Protein backbone atom coordinates (compact mmCIF):
# COMPACT_ATOMS: atom_id res chain seq x y z
CA UNK A 1 -26.10 40.64 56.94
CA UNK A 2 -27.99 40.94 53.62
CA UNK A 3 -30.98 43.09 52.95
CA UNK A 4 -33.41 40.06 53.11
CA UNK A 5 -32.20 39.16 56.59
CA UNK A 6 -32.47 42.81 57.80
CA UNK A 7 -36.01 43.08 56.43
CA UNK A 8 -37.05 39.78 58.17
CA UNK A 9 -35.55 41.02 61.51
CA UNK A 10 -37.46 44.37 61.08
CA UNK A 11 -40.70 42.53 60.42
CA UNK A 12 -40.26 40.33 63.47
CA UNK A 13 -39.37 43.23 65.74
CA UNK A 14 -42.45 45.19 64.58
CA UNK A 15 -44.61 42.07 65.09
CA UNK A 16 -43.38 41.54 68.59
CA UNK A 17 -43.78 45.25 69.42
CA UNK A 18 -47.37 45.12 68.42
CA UNK A 19 -48.00 42.00 70.44
CA UNK A 20 -46.37 43.44 73.53
CA UNK A 21 -48.15 46.70 73.12
CA UNK A 22 -51.67 45.09 73.08
CA UNK A 23 -51.25 41.88 75.20
CA UNK A 24 -50.30 42.33 78.86
CA UNK A 25 -50.52 38.71 79.83
CA UNK A 26 -47.03 37.29 79.37
CA UNK A 27 -48.28 33.73 78.66
CA UNK A 28 -50.66 34.77 75.88
CA UNK A 29 -48.11 37.31 74.51
CA UNK A 30 -45.55 34.44 74.29
CA UNK A 31 -48.07 32.13 72.63
CA UNK A 32 -49.09 34.72 70.01
CA UNK A 33 -45.40 35.20 69.06
CA UNK A 34 -44.83 31.44 69.05
CA UNK A 35 -47.68 30.82 66.55
CA UNK A 36 -47.29 34.14 64.69
CA UNK A 37 -50.79 35.22 65.36
CA UNK A 38 -51.63 38.81 64.36
CA UNK A 39 -52.83 40.59 67.58
CA UNK A 40 -55.35 42.76 65.63
CA UNK A 41 -58.40 40.54 66.52
CA UNK A 42 -57.44 39.46 70.05
CA UNK A 43 -57.69 40.91 73.44
CA UNK A 44 -56.65 39.64 76.86
CA UNK A 45 -58.20 39.90 80.30
CA UNK A 46 -56.44 38.52 83.39
CA UNK A 47 -55.78 34.83 82.44
CA UNK A 48 -57.88 34.58 79.28
CA UNK A 49 -57.50 35.60 75.62
CA UNK A 50 -60.44 36.60 73.54
CA UNK A 51 -60.39 35.95 69.70
CA UNK A 52 -62.84 38.71 68.78
CA UNK A 53 -63.56 37.64 65.17
CA UNK A 54 -64.45 34.15 66.29
CA UNK A 55 -66.26 35.19 69.47
CA UNK A 56 -64.44 32.55 71.65
CA UNK A 57 -62.33 32.84 74.81
CA UNK A 58 -59.16 30.93 75.41
CA UNK A 59 -58.22 29.98 79.00
CA UNK A 60 -54.54 29.20 79.65
CA UNK A 61 -52.91 26.78 79.20
CA UNK A 62 -55.48 24.26 78.12
CA UNK A 63 -56.73 26.27 75.11
CA UNK A 64 -53.29 27.26 73.65
CA UNK A 65 -53.72 24.58 71.01
CA UNK A 66 -56.32 26.79 69.41
CA UNK A 67 -53.76 29.39 68.41
CA UNK A 68 -51.77 26.73 66.59
CA UNK A 69 -54.79 25.71 64.64
CA UNK A 70 -56.16 29.20 64.23
CA UNK A 71 -56.06 29.12 60.43
CA UNK A 72 -58.18 26.02 60.42
CA UNK A 73 -60.65 27.54 62.88
CA UNK A 74 -61.03 30.62 60.72
CA UNK A 75 -61.51 28.57 57.60
CA UNK A 76 -64.13 26.55 59.48
CA UNK A 77 -65.88 29.82 60.45
CA UNK A 78 -65.55 31.39 56.94
CA UNK A 79 -66.28 28.45 54.80
CA UNK A 80 -68.35 25.96 56.91
CA UNK A 81 -70.02 28.83 58.90
CA UNK A 82 -68.82 27.24 62.20
CA UNK A 83 -69.61 28.98 65.38
CA UNK A 84 -67.54 28.59 68.63
CA UNK A 85 -68.68 28.63 72.22
CA UNK A 86 -67.22 28.17 75.70
CA UNK A 87 -68.87 25.51 77.86
CA UNK A 88 -67.74 24.12 81.18
CA UNK A 89 -64.15 24.99 80.46
CA UNK A 90 -64.19 23.41 76.91
CA UNK A 91 -64.30 24.79 73.44
CA UNK A 92 -67.26 23.49 71.31
CA UNK A 93 -67.59 24.03 67.68
CA UNK A 94 -70.99 24.09 66.05
CA UNK A 95 -71.31 23.41 62.37
CA UNK A 96 -74.95 23.54 61.15
CA UNK A 97 -76.87 21.30 63.51
CA UNK A 98 -73.69 19.35 64.71
CA UNK A 99 -71.45 20.33 67.67
CA UNK A 100 -68.11 18.96 68.63
CA UNK A 101 -65.81 19.09 71.68
CA UNK A 102 -62.27 19.96 70.53
CA UNK A 103 -59.16 19.61 72.76
CA UNK A 104 -56.20 19.59 70.35
CA UNK A 105 -54.76 21.33 67.29
CA UNK A 106 -55.12 17.99 65.38
CA UNK A 107 -58.87 18.00 66.01
CA UNK A 108 -59.20 21.48 64.37
CA UNK A 109 -57.18 20.07 61.38
CA UNK A 110 -59.48 16.96 61.12
CA UNK A 111 -62.62 19.12 61.40
CA UNK A 112 -61.16 21.25 58.53
CA UNK A 113 -60.59 18.06 56.50
CA UNK A 114 -64.15 16.81 57.08
CA UNK A 115 -66.17 20.05 56.84
CA UNK A 116 -64.03 22.39 54.63
CA UNK A 117 -62.17 20.00 52.34
CA UNK A 118 -65.15 17.61 52.37
CA UNK A 119 -63.10 14.35 52.37
CA UNK A 120 -66.18 12.43 53.27
CA UNK A 121 -68.87 14.34 51.50
CA UNK A 122 -70.85 11.69 49.84
CA UNK A 123 -74.17 11.81 48.05
CA UNK A 124 -76.18 8.64 48.09
CA UNK A 125 -79.16 7.55 45.84
CA UNK A 126 -80.41 4.96 48.30
CA UNK A 127 -79.97 3.79 51.91
CA UNK A 128 -76.53 2.39 52.95
CA UNK A 129 -74.71 1.15 56.08
CA UNK A 130 -71.53 3.11 56.90
CA UNK A 131 -68.59 1.34 58.65
CA UNK A 132 -66.26 3.86 60.14
CA UNK A 133 -62.94 2.12 60.76
CA UNK A 134 -60.76 4.44 62.79
CA UNK A 135 -63.57 6.58 64.23
CA UNK A 136 -61.12 8.77 66.26
CA UNK A 137 -63.22 11.29 68.36
CA UNK A 138 -66.33 10.74 66.25
CA UNK A 139 -66.43 13.52 63.77
CA UNK A 140 -66.91 11.39 60.63
CA UNK A 141 -69.33 8.97 62.34
CA UNK A 142 -71.63 11.86 63.39
CA UNK A 143 -71.36 13.36 59.78
CA UNK A 144 -72.36 10.08 58.33
CA UNK A 145 -75.27 9.71 60.75
CA UNK A 146 -76.63 13.09 59.79
CA UNK A 147 -77.00 11.90 56.24
CA UNK A 148 -80.66 10.81 55.79
CA UNK A 149 -79.57 8.07 53.37
CA UNK A 150 -77.36 6.38 55.97
CA UNK A 151 -79.46 3.87 57.71
CA UNK A 152 -76.77 2.89 60.27
CA UNK A 153 -73.15 3.64 61.26
CA UNK A 154 -70.97 1.09 62.79
CA UNK A 155 -67.84 2.50 64.16
CA UNK A 156 -64.51 1.16 65.63
CA UNK A 157 -62.06 3.11 67.82
CA UNK A 158 -59.71 1.03 69.88
CA UNK A 159 -57.86 3.65 72.13
CA UNK A 160 -59.81 4.04 75.21
CA UNK A 161 -59.31 7.84 75.89
CA UNK A 162 -60.14 8.47 72.18
CA UNK A 163 -63.23 6.27 72.44
CA UNK A 164 -64.42 8.14 75.48
CA UNK A 165 -63.90 11.52 73.67
CA UNK A 166 -65.93 10.06 70.74
CA UNK A 167 -68.66 9.00 73.15
CA UNK A 168 -68.90 12.55 74.41
CA UNK A 169 -69.29 13.91 70.84
CA UNK A 170 -71.91 11.25 70.10
CA UNK A 171 -73.88 12.28 73.13
CA UNK A 172 -73.79 15.95 72.12
CA UNK A 173 -75.14 15.09 68.70
CA UNK A 174 -78.46 13.22 69.57
CA UNK A 175 -80.69 12.21 67.83
CA UNK A 176 -78.30 11.67 64.92
CA UNK A 177 -75.91 9.62 67.05
CA UNK A 178 -78.68 7.18 67.86
CA UNK A 179 -77.84 5.57 64.48
CA UNK A 180 -74.29 4.96 65.62
CA UNK A 181 -72.96 1.72 67.16
CA UNK A 182 -69.49 2.54 68.51
CA UNK A 183 -67.03 -0.31 69.51
CA UNK A 184 -63.95 0.13 71.66
CA UNK A 185 -61.65 -2.10 69.50
CA UNK A 186 -59.99 -1.78 66.20
CA UNK A 187 -59.70 -3.93 63.04
CA UNK A 188 -56.71 -5.54 61.64
CA UNK A 189 -55.78 -8.85 59.96
CA UNK A 190 -56.17 -10.97 63.10
CA UNK A 191 -57.59 -10.83 66.62
CA UNK A 192 -54.97 -9.88 69.18
CA UNK A 193 -53.75 -7.40 71.77
CA UNK A 194 -51.14 -4.94 70.38
CA UNK A 195 -48.95 -2.23 72.08
CA UNK A 196 -48.69 1.17 70.35
CA UNK A 197 -47.32 4.65 71.13
CA UNK A 198 -49.89 7.10 72.21
CA UNK A 199 -49.97 10.89 72.53
CA UNK A 200 -53.16 12.91 73.48
CA UNK A 201 -51.93 15.68 71.33
CA UNK A 202 -52.38 13.64 68.09
CA UNK A 203 -54.91 10.90 68.83
CA UNK A 204 -55.83 10.75 65.13
CA UNK A 205 -52.26 9.83 64.23
CA UNK A 206 -51.86 6.89 66.66
CA UNK A 207 -51.34 3.50 65.00
CA UNK A 208 -48.99 0.63 64.22
CA UNK A 209 -46.56 3.03 62.46
CA UNK A 210 -45.53 4.55 65.81
CA UNK A 211 -44.90 8.22 66.36
CA UNK A 212 -41.22 8.37 65.56
CA UNK A 213 -42.02 10.42 62.38
CA UNK A 214 -43.62 13.21 64.42
CA UNK A 215 -41.29 16.01 65.48
CA UNK A 216 -44.03 18.53 66.10
CA UNK A 217 -45.27 17.19 69.46
CA UNK A 218 -44.07 16.95 73.12
CA UNK A 219 -42.26 13.65 72.92
CA UNK A 220 -42.03 13.41 76.70
CA UNK A 221 -45.74 12.89 76.77
CA UNK A 222 -45.73 9.81 74.38
CA UNK A 223 -46.53 6.60 76.26
CA UNK A 224 -47.09 3.01 75.29
CA UNK A 225 -50.62 1.62 75.62
CA UNK A 226 -52.21 -1.76 74.83
CA UNK A 227 -55.37 -2.10 72.75
CA UNK A 228 -57.65 -4.71 71.20
CA UNK A 229 -58.00 -5.42 67.50
CA UNK A 230 -60.16 -8.11 65.80
CA UNK A 231 -59.98 -9.67 62.44
CA UNK A 232 -61.45 -7.31 59.99
CA UNK A 233 -62.68 -10.00 57.51
CA UNK A 234 -64.78 -11.76 60.17
CA UNK A 235 -66.22 -8.47 61.57
CA UNK A 236 -67.16 -7.17 58.08
CA UNK A 237 -68.66 -10.49 57.15
CA UNK A 238 -70.92 -10.31 60.15
CA UNK A 239 -72.00 -6.76 59.30
CA UNK A 240 -72.71 -7.55 55.59
CA UNK A 241 -74.64 -10.61 56.54
CA UNK A 242 -76.87 -8.59 58.83
CA UNK A 243 -77.49 -6.07 56.07
CA UNK A 244 -77.91 -8.19 53.01
CA UNK A 245 -80.38 -5.85 51.37
CA UNK A 246 -78.39 -2.69 52.12
CA UNK A 247 -75.05 -1.78 50.52
CA UNK A 248 -72.08 -1.38 52.93
CA UNK A 249 -69.49 1.45 52.58
CA UNK A 250 -66.30 1.45 54.42
CA UNK A 251 -64.36 4.55 55.65
CA UNK A 252 -60.87 3.37 56.62
CA UNK A 253 -58.38 5.77 58.42
CA UNK A 254 -56.33 3.64 60.82
CA UNK A 255 -52.75 4.87 60.46
CA UNK A 256 -51.08 2.09 58.71
CA UNK A 257 -53.48 -0.91 59.38
CA UNK A 258 -55.42 -0.21 56.16
CA UNK A 259 -53.19 -2.70 54.21
CA UNK A 260 -53.78 -5.46 56.80
CA UNK A 261 -57.55 -4.79 56.77
CA UNK A 262 -57.83 -5.02 52.96
CA UNK A 263 -55.84 -8.21 53.04
CA UNK A 264 -58.09 -9.71 55.66
CA UNK A 265 -61.15 -8.76 53.65
CA UNK A 266 -59.59 -10.58 50.64
CA UNK A 267 -58.80 -13.64 52.64
CA UNK A 268 -62.40 -13.89 53.93
CA UNK A 269 -63.94 -13.18 50.62
CA UNK A 270 -65.56 -10.00 51.83
CA UNK A 271 -63.94 -7.25 49.72
CA UNK A 272 -66.21 -8.13 46.77
CA UNK A 273 -69.26 -7.69 48.92
CA UNK A 274 -68.41 -3.98 49.75
CA UNK A 275 -70.09 -1.28 47.74
CA UNK A 276 -67.53 1.57 48.16
CA UNK A 277 -64.43 2.59 50.16
CA UNK A 278 -63.01 5.90 51.36
CA UNK A 279 -59.53 5.18 52.64
CA UNK A 280 -56.52 7.18 53.83
CA UNK A 281 -53.23 5.44 53.10
CA UNK A 282 -49.82 5.94 54.81
CA UNK A 283 -47.12 3.80 53.26
CA UNK A 284 -46.44 4.84 49.55
CA UNK A 285 -44.44 1.76 48.91
CA UNK A 286 -47.56 -0.36 49.28
CA UNK A 287 -49.86 1.95 47.38
CA UNK A 288 -49.64 0.46 43.94
CA UNK A 289 -50.31 -3.09 45.23
CA UNK A 290 -53.31 -1.79 47.26
CA UNK A 291 -54.78 -0.15 44.18
CA UNK A 292 -54.27 -3.25 42.12
CA UNK A 293 -56.06 -5.36 44.88
CA UNK A 294 -59.08 -3.00 44.77
CA UNK A 295 -59.27 -2.98 40.95
CA UNK A 296 -58.98 -6.84 40.96
CA UNK A 297 -62.00 -6.88 43.31
CA UNK A 298 -64.14 -4.91 40.88
CA UNK A 299 -63.61 -1.38 42.04
CA UNK A 300 -63.01 1.76 40.00
CA UNK A 301 -60.21 3.52 42.01
CA UNK A 302 -59.79 7.26 42.33
CA UNK A 303 -56.43 7.86 43.96
CA UNK A 304 -55.73 11.43 45.40
CA UNK A 305 -52.06 12.50 45.78
CA UNK A 306 -50.66 9.31 44.40
CA UNK A 307 -47.07 10.79 44.34
CA UNK A 308 -47.15 11.76 47.94
CA UNK A 309 -44.35 10.46 49.99
CA UNK A 310 -46.43 10.19 53.20
CA UNK A 311 -50.22 10.07 53.02
CA UNK A 312 -53.10 10.30 50.54
CA UNK A 313 -56.76 9.29 49.93
CA UNK A 314 -58.27 6.57 47.78
CA UNK A 315 -61.93 6.43 46.90
CA UNK A 316 -63.07 3.09 45.38
CA UNK A 317 -66.63 2.35 44.08
CA UNK A 318 -68.37 -0.33 42.14
CA UNK A 319 -70.49 0.20 38.91
CA UNK A 320 -67.73 0.21 36.24
CA UNK A 321 -68.21 -3.03 34.19
CA UNK A 322 -65.28 -5.08 33.12
CA UNK A 323 -64.66 -5.15 29.32
């Protein structure tokens, strides 16, 4: 055994000793070790665990996800000034005037994306209509609705359980959510019923790609569900026609269906009627073709992480004239 291995074992032993010395509850002691959480800022009482620095209490086992996402929660607290509270057995996160119900590690990660990384932090000179394709549990829709320059938000979330969670988050955030029109179906290249894999742990990763690439979840909890999708080109045409005097911006995050959506918009002649797009992409083999299609439609394209082998963001906007 080399010196590095010995040092690692000693550090691990010291860490486990500190956890066992402070945390009497076996479940929470095990979870702290599992997620390598420093016990300095935690305390346990009977069945619960208090995170003293965040002033929130975790009740086993439903809240164990919070330890997995603790780094994101602390970043939300430190950088987005988030506050945490317990309410009716749930954990709610308040960021400014907005509050959100969170139930999974992934939702902490997405809140971090939205409110710390600022992936949808747009500044607008005049009123727009936001179309949120892949609303998930409603974080981005509510953020858009809070923007005084956003006249209306039209959102699409096809998974029933996720849609219901989004409805709860919209209800928490009145009056901003009164701007939001949330639909319980998705968009694609045609209207049909499709079957997909679903896991409540990672609602935001559910899509046509399936979940075979995820080895960080309980695979025994994956189930197959059916959901409704409609032709994107026709849906967006209707939206643009209803708002002819207001620019329409698309946010697209739909786990692989983004390529089908763009193709449907092109086929229906609607891509040229869109003012801007914020899009997460998932298949790098199709990325260059997607970028070319957007440029051909008159967009200036800003591509983040173009060399990623898994996922990245594209921002596309009009206003750059052709030579």
